[in-house]
Amino acid sequence: MKVEILYFDDCPNWRDAADRVREAATAIGLPDIEIEVRPITSDAEAAGSAFAGSPTILVDGVDAFDDAVQLTGLACRIYRTEAGAAGLPTVDQVAASLRKRVA
């Protein structure tokens, strides 16, 4: 399993995304998961990728969350959490997504 985090520099939330993925992976018994962080630097690059806002978390090339909407420009992503809208999914949400892909 490979996790890729797509981001753009002006969105501050991407910096914590890898930590949440690592914590979630460890919680479900995948402590050695491969995580790659890839910057998206232009609207054209966003449009030509699976970018759904920063940070986008891809698992084996597929967005980790079913509500993803591909964007054609640089923007921060909003995730729905139990506490309301947030710039990152919770560790539990990431763990649930990873579990679905392992099963």
N, C-alpha and C. Protein backbone atom coordinates (compact mmCIF):
# COMPACT_ATOMS: atom_id res chain seq x y z
N MET A 1 0.85 -1.17 0.00
CA MET A 1 0.00 0.00 0.00
C MET A 1 0.89 1.24 0.00
N LYS A 2 0.54 2.17 -0.87
CA LYS A 2 1.27 3.43 -0.95
C LYS A 2 0.31 4.58 -0.71
N VAL A 3 0.69 5.49 0.14
CA VAL A 3 -0.11 6.69 0.40
C VAL A 3 0.64 7.89 -0.16
N GLU A 4 -0.08 8.71 -0.89
CA GLU A 4 0.50 9.93 -1.46
C GLU A 4 -0.34 11.11 -0.98
N ILE A 5 0.31 12.14 -0.52
CA ILE A 5 -0.37 13.35 -0.06
C ILE A 5 -0.05 14.46 -1.06
N LEU A 6 -1.10 14.97 -1.69
CA LEU A 6 -0.96 16.08 -2.63
C LEU A 6 -1.29 17.37 -1.90
N TYR A 7 -0.49 18.39 -2.11
CA TYR A 7 -0.69 19.64 -1.37
C TYR A 7 -0.18 20.82 -2.18
N PHE A 8 -0.55 22.02 -1.74
CA PHE A 8 0.14 23.21 -2.25
C PHE A 8 0.59 24.05 -1.05
N ASP A 9 1.67 24.76 -1.24
CA ASP A 9 2.37 25.43 -0.14
C ASP A 9 1.53 26.40 0.68
N ASP A 10 0.59 27.09 0.07
CA ASP A 10 -0.16 28.11 0.79
C ASP A 10 -1.22 27.55 1.74
N CYS A 11 -1.41 26.26 1.73
CA CYS A 11 -2.38 25.64 2.62
C CYS A 11 -1.62 25.01 3.80
N PRO A 12 -1.85 25.49 5.01
CA PRO A 12 -1.05 25.03 6.15
C PRO A 12 -1.38 23.61 6.63
N ASN A 13 -2.53 23.07 6.28
CA ASN A 13 -2.96 21.79 6.83
C ASN A 13 -2.16 20.59 6.34
N TRP A 14 -1.53 20.70 5.19
CA TRP A 14 -0.83 19.54 4.63
C TRP A 14 0.33 19.10 5.52
N ARG A 15 0.89 20.01 6.29
CA ARG A 15 2.06 19.66 7.10
C ARG A 15 1.75 18.57 8.14
N ASP A 16 0.52 18.51 8.62
CA ASP A 16 0.14 17.51 9.62
C ASP A 16 -0.47 16.25 9.00
N ALA A 17 -0.73 16.27 7.71
CA ALA A 17 -1.40 15.13 7.07
C ALA A 17 -0.58 13.85 7.17
N ALA A 18 0.71 13.90 6.91
CA ALA A 18 1.54 12.69 6.97
C ALA A 18 1.58 12.12 8.39
N ASP A 19 1.61 13.00 9.39
CA ASP A 19 1.60 12.53 10.78
C ASP A 19 0.31 11.78 11.09
N ARG A 20 -0.81 12.30 10.60
CA ARG A 20 -2.09 11.63 10.85
C ARG A 20 -2.16 10.29 10.12
N VAL A 21 -1.66 10.26 8.90
CA VAL A 21 -1.64 8.99 8.16
C VAL A 21 -0.76 7.98 8.88
N ARG A 22 0.41 8.41 9.30
CA ARG A 22 1.33 7.51 10.00
C ARG A 22 0.69 6.99 11.30
N GLU A 23 0.05 7.87 12.07
CA GLU A 23 -0.61 7.45 13.31
C GLU A 23 -1.74 6.47 13.03
N ALA A 24 -2.54 6.74 12.01
CA ALA A 24 -3.64 5.85 11.65
C ALA A 24 -3.12 4.50 11.18
N ALA A 25 -2.09 4.51 10.36
CA ALA A 25 -1.52 3.26 9.85
C ALA A 25 -0.96 2.42 10.98
N THR A 26 -0.28 3.05 11.91
CA THR A 26 0.27 2.33 13.06
C THR A 26 -0.85 1.73 13.90
N ALA A 27 -1.93 2.48 14.06
CA ALA A 27 -3.07 2.01 14.86
C ALA A 27 -3.72 0.76 14.28
N ILE A 28 -3.64 0.60 12.95
CA ILE A 28 -4.26 -0.58 12.33
C ILE A 28 -3.22 -1.64 11.95
N GLY A 29 -2.01 -1.50 12.46
CA GLY A 29 -0.99 -2.52 12.25
C GLY A 29 -0.16 -2.39 10.99
N LEU A 30 -0.08 -1.19 10.44
CA LEU A 30 0.72 -0.95 9.23
C LEU A 30 1.78 0.12 9.49
N PRO A 31 2.67 -0.09 10.46
CA PRO A 31 3.62 0.97 10.83
C PRO A 31 4.64 1.33 9.75
N ASP A 32 4.83 0.46 8.77
CA ASP A 32 5.85 0.71 7.74
C ASP A 32 5.25 1.19 6.43
N ILE A 33 4.06 1.74 6.48
CA ILE A 33 3.39 2.20 5.27
C ILE A 33 4.25 3.26 4.56
N GLU A 34 4.25 3.22 3.25
CA GLU A 34 5.01 4.19 2.45
C GLU A 34 4.16 5.44 2.26
N ILE A 35 4.71 6.59 2.64
CA ILE A 35 4.01 7.86 2.47
C ILE A 35 4.88 8.79 1.64
N GLU A 36 4.32 9.27 0.56
CA GLU A 36 5.01 10.22 -0.30
C GLU A 36 4.24 11.53 -0.27
N VAL A 37 4.94 12.64 -0.21
CA VAL A 37 4.31 13.96 -0.19
C VAL A 37 4.70 14.65 -1.49
N ARG A 38 3.67 15.09 -2.25
CA ARG A 38 3.93 15.67 -3.57
C ARG A 38 3.27 17.04 -3.70
N PRO A 39 4.06 18.06 -3.98
CA PRO A 39 3.48 19.40 -4.16
C PRO A 39 2.75 19.52 -5.50
N ILE A 40 1.65 20.25 -5.46
CA ILE A 40 0.92 20.64 -6.67
C ILE A 40 1.20 22.14 -6.81
N THR A 41 1.80 22.52 -7.92
CA THR A 41 2.32 23.89 -8.02
C THR A 41 1.57 24.81 -8.98
N SER A 42 0.59 24.26 -9.70
CA SER A 42 -0.14 25.12 -10.65
C SER A 42 -1.56 24.59 -10.83
N ASP A 43 -2.42 25.45 -11.37
CA ASP A 43 -3.78 25.04 -11.67
C ASP A 43 -3.79 23.90 -12.68
N ALA A 44 -2.90 23.97 -13.66
CA ALA A 44 -2.82 22.92 -14.67
C ALA A 44 -2.44 21.58 -14.05
N GLU A 45 -1.51 21.60 -13.12
CA GLU A 45 -1.10 20.37 -12.44
C GLU A 45 -2.25 19.83 -11.58
N ALA A 46 -2.99 20.73 -10.94
CA ALA A 46 -4.15 20.30 -10.15
C ALA A 46 -5.19 19.63 -11.06
N ALA A 47 -5.47 20.25 -12.19
CA ALA A 47 -6.46 19.71 -13.12
C ALA A 47 -6.04 18.37 -13.71
N GLY A 48 -4.75 18.16 -13.84
CA GLY A 48 -4.25 16.92 -14.44
C GLY A 48 -3.94 15.82 -13.45
N SER A 49 -4.36 15.99 -12.21
CA SER A 49 -4.08 14.99 -11.18
C SER A 49 -5.38 14.67 -10.43
N ALA A 50 -5.27 13.86 -9.42
CA ALA A 50 -6.43 13.51 -8.58
C ALA A 50 -6.59 14.51 -7.42
N PHE A 51 -6.13 15.72 -7.60
CA PHE A 51 -6.14 16.74 -6.57
C PHE A 51 -7.56 17.18 -6.24
N ALA A 52 -7.93 17.03 -4.96
CA ALA A 52 -9.26 17.44 -4.49
C ALA A 52 -9.13 18.49 -3.39
N GLY A 53 -8.06 19.25 -3.43
CA GLY A 53 -7.79 20.26 -2.42
C GLY A 53 -6.67 19.79 -1.50
N SER A 54 -6.01 20.74 -0.90
CA SER A 54 -4.85 20.45 -0.06
C SER A 54 -5.26 20.29 1.40
N PRO A 55 -4.90 19.18 2.01
CA PRO A 55 -4.20 18.02 1.46
C PRO A 55 -5.18 16.97 0.91
N THR A 56 -4.80 16.38 -0.22
CA THR A 56 -5.51 15.22 -0.76
C THR A 56 -4.71 13.99 -0.37
N ILE A 57 -5.37 13.00 0.19
CA ILE A 57 -4.72 11.77 0.61
C ILE A 57 -5.15 10.67 -0.35
N LEU A 58 -4.18 10.16 -1.11
CA LEU A 58 -4.45 9.08 -2.06
C LEU A 58 -3.89 7.78 -1.50
N VAL A 59 -4.64 6.71 -1.67
CA VAL A 59 -4.18 5.37 -1.28
C VAL A 59 -4.14 4.54 -2.55
N ASP A 60 -2.93 4.13 -2.93
CA ASP A 60 -2.74 3.41 -4.19
C ASP A 60 -3.39 4.15 -5.36
N GLY A 61 -3.24 5.49 -5.35
CA GLY A 61 -3.70 6.32 -6.45
C GLY A 61 -5.16 6.75 -6.40
N VAL A 62 -5.91 6.29 -5.39
CA VAL A 62 -7.33 6.60 -5.27
C VAL A 62 -7.56 7.45 -4.02
N ASP A 63 -8.39 8.47 -4.14
CA ASP A 63 -8.67 9.32 -2.98
C ASP A 63 -9.16 8.48 -1.82
N ALA A 64 -8.65 8.76 -0.65
CA ALA A 64 -8.99 7.98 0.55
C ALA A 64 -10.42 8.21 1.02
N PHE A 65 -11.09 9.24 0.50
CA PHE A 65 -12.43 9.59 0.96
C PHE A 65 -13.40 9.65 -0.21
N ASP A 66 -14.56 9.07 -0.01
CA ASP A 66 -15.55 8.92 -1.07
C ASP A 66 -16.16 10.24 -1.54
N ASP A 67 -16.08 11.28 -0.75
CA ASP A 67 -16.72 12.55 -1.12
C ASP A 67 -15.78 13.49 -1.88
N ALA A 68 -14.67 12.97 -2.37
CA ALA A 68 -13.69 13.81 -3.07
C ALA A 68 -14.26 14.38 -4.36
N VAL A 69 -13.95 15.64 -4.60
CA VAL A 69 -14.32 16.32 -5.84
C VAL A 69 -13.04 16.87 -6.44
N GLN A 70 -12.67 16.38 -7.62
CA GLN A 70 -11.44 16.84 -8.24
C GLN A 70 -11.53 18.32 -8.55
N LEU A 71 -10.44 19.04 -8.28
CA LEU A 71 -10.38 20.48 -8.53
C LEU A 71 -9.52 20.78 -9.74
N THR A 72 -9.74 21.93 -10.32
CA THR A 72 -8.92 22.38 -11.44
C THR A 72 -8.04 23.55 -11.05
N GLY A 73 -7.96 23.81 -9.74
CA GLY A 73 -7.13 24.90 -9.25
C GLY A 73 -6.63 24.61 -7.85
N LEU A 74 -5.80 25.47 -7.35
CA LEU A 74 -5.21 25.31 -6.03
C LEU A 74 -6.17 25.82 -4.96
N ALA A 75 -6.50 24.96 -4.01
CA ALA A 75 -7.40 25.33 -2.92
C ALA A 75 -7.16 24.40 -1.74
N CYS A 76 -7.50 24.88 -0.56
CA CYS A 76 -7.45 24.01 0.62
C CYS A 76 -8.68 23.11 0.60
N ARG A 77 -8.54 21.94 1.17
CA ARG A 77 -9.65 20.98 1.23
C ARG A 77 -10.32 21.07 2.59
N ILE A 78 -11.60 20.86 2.59
CA ILE A 78 -12.37 20.80 3.84
C ILE A 78 -12.87 19.37 4.02
N TYR A 79 -12.62 18.82 5.18
CA TYR A 79 -13.09 17.47 5.52
C TYR A 79 -14.22 17.58 6.53
N ARG A 80 -15.21 16.72 6.40
CA ARG A 80 -16.29 16.63 7.38
C ARG A 80 -15.85 15.71 8.50
N THR A 81 -15.86 16.20 9.71
CA THR A 81 -15.49 15.41 10.87
C THR A 81 -16.64 15.47 11.88
N GLU A 82 -16.56 14.64 12.91
CA GLU A 82 -17.58 14.67 13.96
C GLU A 82 -17.67 16.04 14.63
N ALA A 83 -16.56 16.76 14.66
CA ALA A 83 -16.53 18.08 15.28
C ALA A 83 -16.91 19.20 14.32
N GLY A 84 -17.22 18.85 13.07
CA GLY A 84 -17.55 19.85 12.06
C GLY A 84 -16.50 19.89 10.97
N ALA A 85 -16.53 20.94 10.17
CA ALA A 85 -15.58 21.09 9.08
C ALA A 85 -14.17 21.30 9.61
N ALA A 86 -13.21 20.66 8.95
CA ALA A 86 -11.81 20.77 9.38
C ALA A 86 -10.89 20.69 8.17
N GLY A 87 -9.69 21.17 8.35
CA GLY A 87 -8.70 21.16 7.27
C GLY A 87 -8.03 19.82 7.08
N LEU A 88 -8.27 18.89 8.00
CA LEU A 88 -7.71 17.54 7.91
C LEU A 88 -8.74 16.53 8.40
N PRO A 89 -8.69 15.32 7.88
CA PRO A 89 -9.53 14.28 8.46
C PRO A 89 -8.95 13.87 9.81
N THR A 90 -9.77 13.27 10.65
CA THR A 90 -9.27 12.79 11.94
C THR A 90 -8.44 11.53 11.73
N VAL A 91 -7.67 11.18 12.73
CA VAL A 91 -6.89 9.94 12.68
C VAL A 91 -7.84 8.76 12.50
N ASP A 92 -8.98 8.77 13.20
CA ASP A 92 -9.95 7.68 13.08
C ASP A 92 -10.51 7.58 11.66
N GLN A 93 -10.76 8.70 11.02
CA GLN A 93 -11.26 8.68 9.65
C GLN A 93 -10.21 8.10 8.69
N VAL A 94 -8.97 8.48 8.88
CA VAL A 94 -7.90 7.95 8.03
C VAL A 94 -7.75 6.45 8.28
N ALA A 95 -7.78 6.04 9.54
CA ALA A 95 -7.66 4.61 9.86
C ALA A 95 -8.78 3.81 9.21
N ALA A 96 -10.01 4.32 9.26
CA ALA A 96 -11.14 3.62 8.65
C ALA A 96 -10.96 3.49 7.15
N SER A 97 -10.46 4.53 6.53
CA SER A 97 -10.22 4.50 5.08
C SER A 97 -9.13 3.48 4.73
N LEU A 98 -8.07 3.48 5.50
CA LEU A 98 -6.98 2.52 5.25
C LEU A 98 -7.47 1.08 5.45
N ARG A 99 -8.26 0.86 6.48
CA ARG A 99 -8.80 -0.49 6.76
C ARG A 99 -9.60 -1.01 5.56
N LYS A 100 -10.40 -0.14 4.95
CA LYS A 100 -11.21 -0.55 3.79
C LYS A 100 -10.32 -1.03 2.64
N ARG A 101 -9.16 -0.44 2.50
CA ARG A 101 -8.29 -0.79 1.39
C ARG A 101 -7.42 -2.01 1.68
N VAL A 102 -7.28 -2.35 2.93
CA VAL A 102 -6.50 -3.53 3.32
C VAL A 102 -7.36 -4.78 3.24
N ALA A 103 -8.64 -4.63 3.53
CA ALA A 103 -9.56 -5.78 3.59
C ALA A 103 -9.71 -6.47 2.26
